[in-house]
Amino acid sequence: MRKYLIQFKPFLIFIGTFFTAYIVLTFIYKVYLSSFEVSDVDGITKIVGRNVEQLMQLFNQDFQVDKNHLNSWLDIWYNKKHMARIIEGCNAVSVIILFVSFVVAFSGKFKPTLFFILFGILLIYICNVVRIASLVVLVYNFPGYTHFLHGVFFPLVIYGIVFTLWFFWINKFSKYAR
């Protein structure tokens, strides 16, 4: 048994570090979410909604994001038509937690790791804002493709970006890059 523990030590350290980081970050996020009333929208989701609205207004689009008065989500209006809602799961925090956990598990030197995590978080956040705005416009113009766009295409895009970041991290900066 000891032989296998020694042989698989790097893998076991990776798995242990990944799950520890993932559990700790998820716990912190859940504590953050529990500080909001059930009928309220959390602060991160509100910021995402505001940034989506600002992005669309840059393109002079008739786009509005409002808090739903009865529920804990944001309603999206495009060209005076209710198109979608932004719920807590749309803010990309769970994707960011997954990204950060993976990079920490394959960490390298402290400074490059920290900068790559910050860069990755910013890139994922920006891509998520663009994703929501694009999804609304595409669903408005192609309503028959709603399920494909929301359930297949955009998850592939966002997770593809995360996978590309991980790949770049492992091959360029992690302690395993050599």
N, C-alpha and C. Protein backbone atom coordinates (compact mmCIF):
# COMPACT_ATOMS: atom_id res chain seq x y z
N MET A 1 0.83 -1.20 0.00
CA MET A 1 0.00 0.00 0.00
C MET A 1 0.87 1.26 0.00
N ARG A 2 1.91 1.23 0.82
CA ARG A 2 2.82 2.38 0.91
C ARG A 2 3.45 2.68 -0.45
N LYS A 3 3.75 1.61 -1.18
CA LYS A 3 4.35 1.76 -2.51
C LYS A 3 3.42 2.56 -3.43
N TYR A 4 2.12 2.28 -3.38
CA TYR A 4 1.15 2.97 -4.22
C TYR A 4 0.95 4.41 -3.77
N LEU A 5 0.99 4.64 -2.47
CA LEU A 5 0.87 6.02 -1.97
C LEU A 5 2.03 6.86 -2.45
N ILE A 6 3.22 6.29 -2.44
CA ILE A 6 4.40 7.01 -2.93
C ILE A 6 4.30 7.21 -4.44
N GLN A 7 3.90 6.17 -5.15
CA GLN A 7 3.80 6.23 -6.60
C GLN A 7 2.77 7.27 -7.06
N PHE A 8 1.64 7.35 -6.37
CA PHE A 8 0.56 8.25 -6.78
C PHE A 8 0.51 9.53 -5.94
N LYS A 9 1.57 9.84 -5.24
CA LYS A 9 1.60 11.02 -4.37
C LYS A 9 1.25 12.31 -5.10
N PRO A 10 1.83 12.60 -6.28
CA PRO A 10 1.46 13.85 -6.97
C PRO A 10 -0.04 13.92 -7.29
N PHE A 11 -0.60 12.81 -7.72
CA PHE A 11 -2.03 12.77 -8.05
C PHE A 11 -2.87 12.98 -6.79
N LEU A 12 -2.50 12.32 -5.72
CA LEU A 12 -3.24 12.44 -4.47
C LEU A 12 -3.16 13.86 -3.90
N ILE A 13 -1.99 14.48 -4.03
CA ILE A 13 -1.84 15.88 -3.58
C ILE A 13 -2.72 16.79 -4.43
N PHE A 14 -2.73 16.56 -5.75
CA PHE A 14 -3.58 17.36 -6.63
C PHE A 14 -5.04 17.21 -6.24
N ILE A 15 -5.51 15.98 -6.09
CA ILE A 15 -6.92 15.73 -5.75
C ILE A 15 -7.26 16.36 -4.40
N GLY A 16 -6.38 16.17 -3.42
CA GLY A 16 -6.63 16.74 -2.09
C GLY A 16 -6.68 18.25 -2.11
N THR A 17 -5.74 18.87 -2.82
CA THR A 17 -5.69 20.33 -2.91
C THR A 17 -6.91 20.86 -3.67
N PHE A 18 -7.25 20.22 -4.78
CA PHE A 18 -8.39 20.65 -5.58
C PHE A 18 -9.68 20.62 -4.74
N PHE A 19 -9.95 19.48 -4.12
CA PHE A 19 -11.20 19.35 -3.36
C PHE A 19 -11.22 20.24 -2.13
N THR A 20 -10.07 20.43 -1.49
CA THR A 20 -10.02 21.34 -0.34
C THR A 20 -10.35 22.77 -0.78
N ALA A 21 -9.70 23.22 -1.84
CA ALA A 21 -9.96 24.57 -2.35
C ALA A 21 -11.42 24.70 -2.78
N TYR A 22 -11.93 23.70 -3.49
CA TYR A 22 -13.30 23.74 -3.98
C TYR A 22 -14.30 23.80 -2.83
N ILE A 23 -14.10 22.98 -1.83
CA ILE A 23 -15.02 22.94 -0.69
C ILE A 23 -14.95 24.24 0.11
N VAL A 24 -13.75 24.75 0.34
CA VAL A 24 -13.60 26.00 1.10
C VAL A 24 -14.24 27.17 0.34
N LEU A 25 -13.95 27.30 -0.94
CA LEU A 25 -14.53 28.41 -1.73
C LEU A 25 -16.04 28.29 -1.84
N THR A 26 -16.54 27.07 -2.01
CA THR A 26 -17.99 26.86 -2.08
C THR A 26 -18.64 27.21 -0.75
N PHE A 27 -18.00 26.83 0.34
CA PHE A 27 -18.54 27.16 1.67
C PHE A 27 -18.59 28.67 1.87
N ILE A 28 -17.53 29.37 1.50
CA ILE A 28 -17.49 30.83 1.62
C ILE A 28 -18.61 31.46 0.78
N TYR A 29 -18.80 30.94 -0.43
CA TYR A 29 -19.85 31.47 -1.30
C TYR A 29 -21.23 31.21 -0.71
N LYS A 30 -21.44 30.03 -0.16
CA LYS A 30 -22.75 29.71 0.45
C LYS A 30 -23.01 30.60 1.67
N VAL A 31 -21.97 30.88 2.46
CA VAL A 31 -22.14 31.80 3.59
C VAL A 31 -22.51 33.19 3.07
N TYR A 32 -21.84 33.62 2.01
CA TYR A 32 -22.16 34.90 1.39
C TYR A 32 -23.62 34.93 0.95
N LEU A 33 -24.07 33.87 0.25
CA LEU A 33 -25.45 33.82 -0.23
C LEU A 33 -26.45 33.82 0.92
N SER A 34 -26.10 33.19 2.03
CA SER A 34 -27.04 33.10 3.15
C SER A 34 -27.23 34.45 3.84
N SER A 35 -26.39 35.43 3.52
CA SER A 35 -26.55 36.75 4.12
C SER A 35 -27.65 37.58 3.43
N PHE A 36 -28.24 37.02 2.36
CA PHE A 36 -29.30 37.70 1.63
C PHE A 36 -30.64 37.05 1.94
N GLU A 37 -31.69 37.86 1.92
CA GLU A 37 -33.04 37.35 2.11
C GLU A 37 -33.39 36.43 0.94
N VAL A 38 -34.24 35.46 1.17
CA VAL A 38 -34.63 34.51 0.13
C VAL A 38 -35.26 35.23 -1.07
N SER A 39 -35.99 36.28 -0.82
CA SER A 39 -36.67 36.99 -1.91
C SER A 39 -35.78 38.04 -2.58
N ASP A 40 -34.55 38.21 -2.10
CA ASP A 40 -33.66 39.22 -2.66
C ASP A 40 -32.67 38.59 -3.63
N VAL A 41 -32.05 39.41 -4.44
CA VAL A 41 -31.02 38.98 -5.38
C VAL A 41 -29.67 39.31 -4.75
N ASP A 42 -28.74 38.36 -4.81
CA ASP A 42 -27.43 38.61 -4.21
C ASP A 42 -26.67 39.70 -4.98
N GLY A 43 -25.69 40.29 -4.31
CA GLY A 43 -24.96 41.42 -4.87
C GLY A 43 -24.20 41.12 -6.14
N ILE A 44 -23.59 39.94 -6.23
CA ILE A 44 -22.83 39.59 -7.44
C ILE A 44 -23.76 39.49 -8.64
N THR A 45 -24.90 38.87 -8.46
CA THR A 45 -25.86 38.74 -9.56
C THR A 45 -26.38 40.11 -9.98
N LYS A 46 -26.58 41.02 -9.01
CA LYS A 46 -27.01 42.38 -9.34
C LYS A 46 -25.95 43.09 -10.19
N ILE A 47 -24.68 42.90 -9.83
CA ILE A 47 -23.59 43.53 -10.59
C ILE A 47 -23.54 42.96 -12.01
N VAL A 48 -23.70 41.65 -12.12
CA VAL A 48 -23.71 41.02 -13.45
C VAL A 48 -24.86 41.62 -14.28
N GLY A 49 -26.04 41.71 -13.70
CA GLY A 49 -27.18 42.29 -14.41
C GLY A 49 -26.92 43.72 -14.85
N ARG A 50 -26.33 44.51 -13.94
CA ARG A 50 -26.03 45.90 -14.29
C ARG A 50 -25.00 45.96 -15.42
N ASN A 51 -23.98 45.09 -15.39
CA ASN A 51 -22.97 45.09 -16.44
C ASN A 51 -23.52 44.62 -17.79
N VAL A 52 -24.45 43.67 -17.77
CA VAL A 52 -25.10 43.23 -19.01
C VAL A 52 -25.88 44.40 -19.60
N GLU A 53 -26.62 45.10 -18.76
CA GLU A 53 -27.40 46.26 -19.23
C GLU A 53 -26.46 47.34 -19.78
N GLN A 54 -25.35 47.62 -19.10
CA GLN A 54 -24.41 48.63 -19.57
C GLN A 54 -23.79 48.23 -20.91
N LEU A 55 -23.47 46.95 -21.05
CA LEU A 55 -22.90 46.48 -22.31
C LEU A 55 -23.88 46.70 -23.46
N MET A 56 -25.13 46.36 -23.26
CA MET A 56 -26.12 46.51 -24.32
C MET A 56 -26.40 47.98 -24.62
N GLN A 57 -26.33 48.83 -23.61
CA GLN A 57 -26.54 50.25 -23.84
C GLN A 57 -25.38 50.87 -24.62
N LEU A 58 -24.19 50.27 -24.54
CA LEU A 58 -23.07 50.72 -25.38
C LEU A 58 -23.41 50.58 -26.85
N PHE A 59 -24.23 49.60 -27.18
CA PHE A 59 -24.63 49.35 -28.56
C PHE A 59 -25.99 49.97 -28.88
N ASN A 60 -26.43 50.89 -28.01
CA ASN A 60 -27.70 51.60 -28.20
C ASN A 60 -28.88 50.65 -28.37
N GLN A 61 -28.89 49.61 -27.60
CA GLN A 61 -29.99 48.64 -27.65
C GLN A 61 -31.05 48.99 -26.61
N ASP A 62 -32.29 48.70 -26.93
CA ASP A 62 -33.40 48.87 -25.99
C ASP A 62 -33.37 47.66 -25.05
N PHE A 63 -32.64 47.81 -23.97
CA PHE A 63 -32.34 46.69 -23.08
C PHE A 63 -32.48 47.17 -21.65
N GLN A 64 -33.20 46.40 -20.84
CA GLN A 64 -33.41 46.80 -19.45
C GLN A 64 -33.36 45.56 -18.56
N VAL A 65 -32.69 45.70 -17.42
CA VAL A 65 -32.63 44.63 -16.42
C VAL A 65 -33.23 45.18 -15.14
N ASP A 66 -34.28 44.52 -14.65
CA ASP A 66 -34.99 44.96 -13.44
C ASP A 66 -35.12 43.82 -12.45
N LYS A 67 -35.16 44.17 -11.18
CA LYS A 67 -35.43 43.19 -10.13
C LYS A 67 -36.88 42.77 -10.22
N ASN A 68 -37.13 41.47 -10.22
CA ASN A 68 -38.48 40.96 -10.19
C ASN A 68 -39.03 41.21 -8.79
N HIS A 69 -40.20 41.82 -8.70
CA HIS A 69 -40.74 42.22 -7.39
C HIS A 69 -41.23 41.05 -6.55
N LEU A 70 -41.54 39.93 -7.18
CA LEU A 70 -42.08 38.79 -6.46
C LEU A 70 -41.06 37.68 -6.21
N ASN A 71 -39.99 37.65 -6.99
CA ASN A 71 -39.04 36.55 -6.92
C ASN A 71 -37.60 37.05 -6.80
N SER A 72 -36.70 36.10 -6.58
CA SER A 72 -35.30 36.47 -6.36
C SER A 72 -34.49 36.34 -7.65
N TRP A 73 -34.90 37.06 -8.68
CA TRP A 73 -34.14 37.10 -9.91
C TRP A 73 -34.31 38.46 -10.57
N LEU A 74 -33.52 38.66 -11.62
CA LEU A 74 -33.59 39.88 -12.41
C LEU A 74 -34.27 39.56 -13.74
N ASP A 75 -35.23 40.38 -14.13
CA ASP A 75 -35.90 40.21 -15.42
C ASP A 75 -35.16 41.01 -16.48
N ILE A 76 -35.01 40.40 -17.66
CA ILE A 76 -34.36 41.07 -18.79
C ILE A 76 -35.42 41.40 -19.83
N TRP A 77 -35.46 42.67 -20.22
CA TRP A 77 -36.38 43.16 -21.24
C TRP A 77 -35.54 43.63 -22.43
N TYR A 78 -35.91 43.15 -23.61
CA TYR A 78 -35.20 43.54 -24.83
C TYR A 78 -36.26 43.94 -25.85
N ASN A 79 -36.14 45.15 -26.35
CA ASN A 79 -37.13 45.71 -27.27
C ASN A 79 -38.54 45.58 -26.70
N LYS A 80 -38.68 45.94 -25.44
CA LYS A 80 -39.95 45.96 -24.70
C LYS A 80 -40.57 44.56 -24.50
N LYS A 81 -39.80 43.52 -24.75
CA LYS A 81 -40.30 42.16 -24.60
C LYS A 81 -39.49 41.45 -23.50
N HIS A 82 -40.21 40.78 -22.59
CA HIS A 82 -39.52 40.02 -21.54
C HIS A 82 -38.84 38.82 -22.20
N MET A 83 -37.53 38.75 -22.04
CA MET A 83 -36.76 37.71 -22.75
C MET A 83 -36.21 36.63 -21.84
N ALA A 84 -35.79 37.00 -20.65
CA ALA A 84 -35.10 36.01 -19.79
C ALA A 84 -35.05 36.54 -18.37
N ARG A 85 -34.45 35.75 -17.53
CA ARG A 85 -34.19 36.18 -16.17
C ARG A 85 -32.78 35.76 -15.79
N ILE A 86 -32.18 36.55 -14.92
CA ILE A 86 -30.85 36.22 -14.41
C ILE A 86 -31.05 35.75 -12.98
N ILE A 87 -30.70 34.50 -12.74
CA ILE A 87 -30.78 33.95 -11.38
C ILE A 87 -29.37 33.86 -10.82
N GLU A 88 -29.26 33.48 -9.57
CA GLU A 88 -27.95 33.38 -8.92
C GLU A 88 -26.99 32.49 -9.70
N GLY A 89 -27.46 31.41 -10.29
CA GLY A 89 -26.60 30.50 -11.04
C GLY A 89 -26.04 31.08 -12.32
N CYS A 90 -26.55 32.22 -12.76
CA CYS A 90 -26.09 32.85 -13.99
C CYS A 90 -24.89 33.78 -13.77
N ASN A 91 -24.46 33.94 -12.54
CA ASN A 91 -23.40 34.92 -12.28
C ASN A 91 -22.00 34.36 -12.46
N ALA A 92 -21.86 33.09 -12.82
CA ALA A 92 -20.58 32.42 -13.14
C ALA A 92 -19.70 32.18 -11.92
N VAL A 93 -20.19 32.40 -10.72
CA VAL A 93 -19.35 32.18 -9.54
C VAL A 93 -18.97 30.71 -9.41
N SER A 94 -19.89 29.81 -9.70
CA SER A 94 -19.56 28.38 -9.59
C SER A 94 -18.48 27.99 -10.60
N VAL A 95 -18.49 28.57 -11.78
CA VAL A 95 -17.46 28.32 -12.79
C VAL A 95 -16.13 28.90 -12.32
N ILE A 96 -16.18 30.08 -11.73
CA ILE A 96 -14.97 30.72 -11.21
C ILE A 96 -14.37 29.89 -10.06
N ILE A 97 -15.21 29.37 -9.19
CA ILE A 97 -14.73 28.52 -8.10
C ILE A 97 -14.03 27.27 -8.66
N LEU A 98 -14.62 26.67 -9.66
CA LEU A 98 -14.01 25.50 -10.30
C LEU A 98 -12.66 25.87 -10.92
N PHE A 99 -12.61 26.98 -11.63
CA PHE A 99 -11.37 27.46 -12.24
C PHE A 99 -10.28 27.69 -11.20
N VAL A 100 -10.62 28.44 -10.16
CA VAL A 100 -9.63 28.77 -9.12
C VAL A 100 -9.13 27.51 -8.42
N SER A 101 -10.02 26.59 -8.11
CA SER A 101 -9.64 25.36 -7.44
C SER A 101 -8.64 24.56 -8.26
N PHE A 102 -8.87 24.49 -9.55
CA PHE A 102 -7.97 23.76 -10.44
C PHE A 102 -6.60 24.44 -10.50
N VAL A 103 -6.58 25.75 -10.65
CA VAL A 103 -5.29 26.46 -10.73
C VAL A 103 -4.53 26.33 -9.42
N VAL A 104 -5.23 26.43 -8.30
CA VAL A 104 -4.57 26.26 -7.00
C VAL A 104 -4.00 24.85 -6.88
N ALA A 105 -4.73 23.85 -7.35
CA ALA A 105 -4.25 22.47 -7.26
C ALA A 105 -3.01 22.24 -8.12
N PHE A 106 -2.87 23.00 -9.19
CA PHE A 106 -1.69 22.93 -10.05
C PHE A 106 -0.83 24.18 -9.88
N SER A 107 -0.83 24.73 -8.68
CA SER A 107 -0.17 26.02 -8.48
C SER A 107 1.33 25.94 -8.78
N GLY A 108 1.83 27.10 -9.09
CA GLY A 108 3.25 27.26 -9.31
C GLY A 108 3.76 28.26 -8.29
N LYS A 109 4.58 29.19 -8.74
CA LYS A 109 5.05 30.25 -7.86
C LYS A 109 3.87 31.14 -7.48
N PHE A 110 3.96 31.75 -6.29
CA PHE A 110 2.82 32.48 -5.75
C PHE A 110 2.35 33.62 -6.65
N LYS A 111 3.28 34.49 -7.07
CA LYS A 111 2.89 35.67 -7.84
C LYS A 111 2.24 35.31 -9.18
N PRO A 112 2.86 34.44 -9.99
CA PRO A 112 2.19 34.07 -11.24
C PRO A 112 0.84 33.38 -11.01
N THR A 113 0.75 32.56 -9.96
CA THR A 113 -0.51 31.90 -9.66
C THR A 113 -1.58 32.93 -9.33
N LEU A 114 -1.25 33.87 -8.47
CA LEU A 114 -2.21 34.91 -8.09
C LEU A 114 -2.64 35.74 -9.31
N PHE A 115 -1.69 36.17 -10.13
CA PHE A 115 -2.03 36.98 -11.29
C PHE A 115 -2.86 36.19 -12.31
N PHE A 116 -2.54 34.92 -12.49
CA PHE A 116 -3.31 34.11 -13.43
C PHE A 116 -4.73 33.89 -12.92
N ILE A 117 -4.88 33.68 -11.62
CA ILE A 117 -6.22 33.52 -11.05
C ILE A 117 -7.02 34.81 -11.25
N LEU A 118 -6.42 35.96 -10.96
CA LEU A 118 -7.13 37.23 -11.14
C LEU A 118 -7.49 37.47 -12.61
N PHE A 119 -6.53 37.19 -13.50
CA PHE A 119 -6.79 37.33 -14.94
C PHE A 119 -7.92 36.39 -15.36
N GLY A 120 -7.89 35.14 -14.91
CA GLY A 120 -8.91 34.17 -15.27
C GLY A 120 -10.29 34.56 -14.76
N ILE A 121 -10.34 35.03 -13.52
CA ILE A 121 -11.62 35.47 -12.95
C ILE A 121 -12.20 36.61 -13.78
N LEU A 122 -11.37 37.58 -14.11
CA LEU A 122 -11.82 38.72 -14.91
C LEU A 122 -12.29 38.27 -16.30
N LEU A 123 -11.53 37.40 -16.94
CA LEU A 123 -11.91 36.92 -18.26
C LEU A 123 -13.21 36.13 -18.22
N ILE A 124 -13.36 35.24 -17.25
CA ILE A 124 -14.59 34.46 -17.12
C ILE A 124 -15.77 35.38 -16.85
N TYR A 125 -15.58 36.38 -15.99
CA TYR A 125 -16.65 37.32 -15.67
C TYR A 125 -17.09 38.09 -16.92
N ILE A 126 -16.13 38.62 -17.67
CA ILE A 126 -16.43 39.38 -18.89
C ILE A 126 -17.13 38.48 -19.91
N CYS A 127 -16.62 37.28 -20.10
CA CYS A 127 -17.25 36.34 -21.04
C CYS A 127 -18.67 36.00 -20.61
N ASN A 128 -18.91 35.91 -19.32
CA ASN A 128 -20.24 35.61 -18.83
C ASN A 128 -21.21 36.77 -19.11
N VAL A 129 -20.76 38.00 -18.92
CA VAL A 129 -21.60 39.16 -19.22
C VAL A 129 -21.93 39.19 -20.72
N VAL A 130 -20.93 38.96 -21.55
CA VAL A 130 -21.15 38.91 -23.00
C VAL A 130 -22.07 37.74 -23.36
N ARG A 131 -21.90 36.62 -22.66
CA ARG A 131 -22.74 35.44 -22.90
C ARG A 131 -24.22 35.76 -22.66
N ILE A 132 -24.52 36.40 -21.53
CA ILE A 132 -25.91 36.71 -21.20
C ILE A 132 -26.50 37.67 -22.22
N ALA A 133 -25.76 38.73 -22.55
CA ALA A 133 -26.26 39.70 -23.52
C ALA A 133 -26.46 39.05 -24.89
N SER A 134 -25.51 38.25 -25.32
CA SER A 134 -25.62 37.57 -26.62
C SER A 134 -26.77 36.58 -26.63
N LEU A 135 -26.93 35.87 -25.53
CA LEU A 135 -28.02 34.90 -25.44
C LEU A 135 -29.38 35.57 -25.61
N VAL A 136 -29.57 36.71 -24.96
CA VAL A 136 -30.84 37.42 -25.07
C VAL A 136 -31.10 37.87 -26.51
N VAL A 137 -30.08 38.44 -27.14
CA VAL A 137 -30.25 38.92 -28.52
C VAL A 137 -30.51 37.74 -29.46
N LEU A 138 -29.77 36.66 -29.30
CA LEU A 138 -29.96 35.50 -30.18
C LEU A 138 -31.33 34.83 -29.97
N VAL A 139 -31.76 34.72 -28.72
CA VAL A 139 -33.08 34.13 -28.45
C VAL A 139 -34.18 35.04 -29.00
N TYR A 140 -33.99 36.34 -28.92
CA TYR A 140 -34.97 37.28 -29.49
C TYR A 140 -35.11 37.05 -30.99
N ASN A 141 -33.98 36.87 -31.67
CA ASN A 141 -33.98 36.72 -33.13
C ASN A 141 -34.23 35.29 -33.59
N PHE A 142 -33.89 34.31 -32.76
CA PHE A 142 -34.05 32.89 -33.12
C PHE A 142 -34.68 32.12 -31.96
N PRO A 143 -35.95 32.38 -31.65
CA PRO A 143 -36.58 31.77 -30.48
C PRO A 143 -36.64 30.25 -30.53
N GLY A 144 -36.60 29.66 -31.69
CA GLY A 144 -36.63 28.21 -31.81
C GLY A 144 -35.35 27.53 -31.34
N TYR A 145 -34.31 28.30 -31.16
CA TYR A 145 -33.02 27.74 -30.74
C TYR A 145 -32.69 28.02 -29.27
N THR A 146 -33.69 28.40 -28.50
CA THR A 146 -33.46 28.76 -27.10
C THR A 146 -32.77 27.64 -26.33
N HIS A 147 -33.30 26.44 -26.40
CA HIS A 147 -32.70 25.33 -25.64
C HIS A 147 -31.26 25.06 -26.08
N PHE A 148 -31.04 25.04 -27.38
CA PHE A 148 -29.69 24.81 -27.88
C PHE A 148 -28.72 25.89 -27.41
N LEU A 149 -29.13 27.15 -27.55
CA LEU A 149 -28.25 28.26 -27.17
C LEU A 149 -27.96 28.26 -25.67
N HIS A 150 -28.99 28.12 -24.86
CA HIS A 150 -28.82 28.19 -23.41
C HIS A 150 -28.23 26.91 -22.83
N GLY A 151 -28.65 25.77 -23.35
CA GLY A 151 -28.25 24.51 -22.74
C GLY A 151 -27.05 23.82 -23.34
N VAL A 152 -26.67 24.22 -24.57
CA VAL A 152 -25.57 23.54 -25.24
C VAL A 152 -24.48 24.52 -25.67
N PHE A 153 -24.84 25.47 -26.52
CA PHE A 153 -23.82 26.33 -27.14
C PHE A 153 -23.05 27.17 -26.12
N PHE A 154 -23.77 27.96 -25.33
CA PHE A 154 -23.06 28.86 -24.41
C PHE A 154 -22.35 28.12 -23.26
N PRO A 155 -22.88 27.01 -22.73
CA PRO A 155 -22.06 26.24 -21.78
C PRO A 155 -20.77 25.72 -22.42
N LEU A 156 -20.86 25.29 -23.68
CA LEU A 156 -19.64 24.85 -24.37
C LEU A 156 -18.64 26.00 -24.49
N VAL A 157 -19.14 27.18 -24.78
CA VAL A 157 -18.25 28.34 -24.91
C VAL A 157 -17.59 28.66 -23.58
N ILE A 158 -18.37 28.78 -22.51
CA ILE A 158 -17.80 29.20 -21.22
C ILE A 158 -16.86 28.14 -20.66
N TYR A 159 -17.26 26.87 -20.75
CA TYR A 159 -16.38 25.81 -20.26
C TYR A 159 -15.19 25.60 -21.19
N GLY A 160 -15.35 25.89 -22.46
CA GLY A 160 -14.23 25.85 -23.39
C GLY A 160 -13.19 26.89 -23.04
N ILE A 161 -13.63 28.06 -22.65
CA ILE A 161 -12.71 29.12 -22.22
C ILE A 161 -11.97 28.69 -20.96
N VAL A 162 -12.70 28.12 -20.00
CA VAL A 162 -12.08 27.65 -18.76
C VAL A 162 -11.07 26.55 -19.06
N PHE A 163 -11.44 25.61 -19.92
CA PHE A 163 -10.52 24.53 -20.28
C PHE A 163 -9.27 25.08 -20.95
N THR A 164 -9.42 26.06 -21.83
CA THR A 164 -8.27 26.69 -22.50
C THR A 164 -7.37 27.38 -21.49
N LEU A 165 -7.97 28.08 -20.53
CA LEU A 165 -7.17 28.71 -19.47
C LEU A 165 -6.40 27.66 -18.67
N TRP A 166 -7.07 26.57 -18.31
CA TRP A 166 -6.39 25.50 -17.57
C TRP A 166 -5.23 24.92 -18.38
N PHE A 167 -5.48 24.65 -19.64
CA PHE A 167 -4.47 24.08 -20.51
C PHE A 167 -3.25 25.01 -20.59
N PHE A 168 -3.52 26.28 -20.79
CA PHE A 168 -2.46 27.28 -20.85
C PHE A 168 -1.70 27.33 -19.52
N TRP A 169 -2.43 27.30 -18.40
CA TRP A 169 -1.82 27.35 -17.08
C TRP A 169 -0.90 26.15 -16.86
N ILE A 170 -1.38 24.97 -17.13
CA ILE A 170 -0.60 23.76 -16.89
C ILE A 170 0.67 23.75 -17.74
N ASN A 171 0.56 24.17 -18.98
CA ASN A 171 1.70 24.09 -19.89
C ASN A 171 2.68 25.25 -19.79
N LYS A 172 2.27 26.36 -19.21
CA LYS A 172 3.15 27.53 -19.17
C LYS A 172 3.63 27.92 -17.77
N PHE A 173 2.79 27.78 -16.76
CA PHE A 173 3.11 28.38 -15.47
C PHE A 173 3.10 27.43 -14.29
N SER A 174 2.40 26.33 -14.35
CA SER A 174 2.28 25.46 -13.17
C SER A 174 3.62 24.82 -12.86
N LYS A 175 3.69 24.22 -11.70
CA LYS A 175 4.93 23.55 -11.30
C LYS A 175 5.20 22.32 -12.16
N TYR A 176 4.22 21.90 -12.95
CA TYR A 176 4.38 20.74 -13.83
C TYR A 176 4.71 21.17 -15.26
N ALA A 177 4.88 22.46 -15.51
CA ALA A 177 5.11 22.97 -16.87
C ALA A 177 6.41 22.46 -17.47
N ARG A 178 7.37 22.19 -16.66
CA ARG A 178 8.65 21.73 -17.17
C ARG A 178 8.51 20.32 -17.64
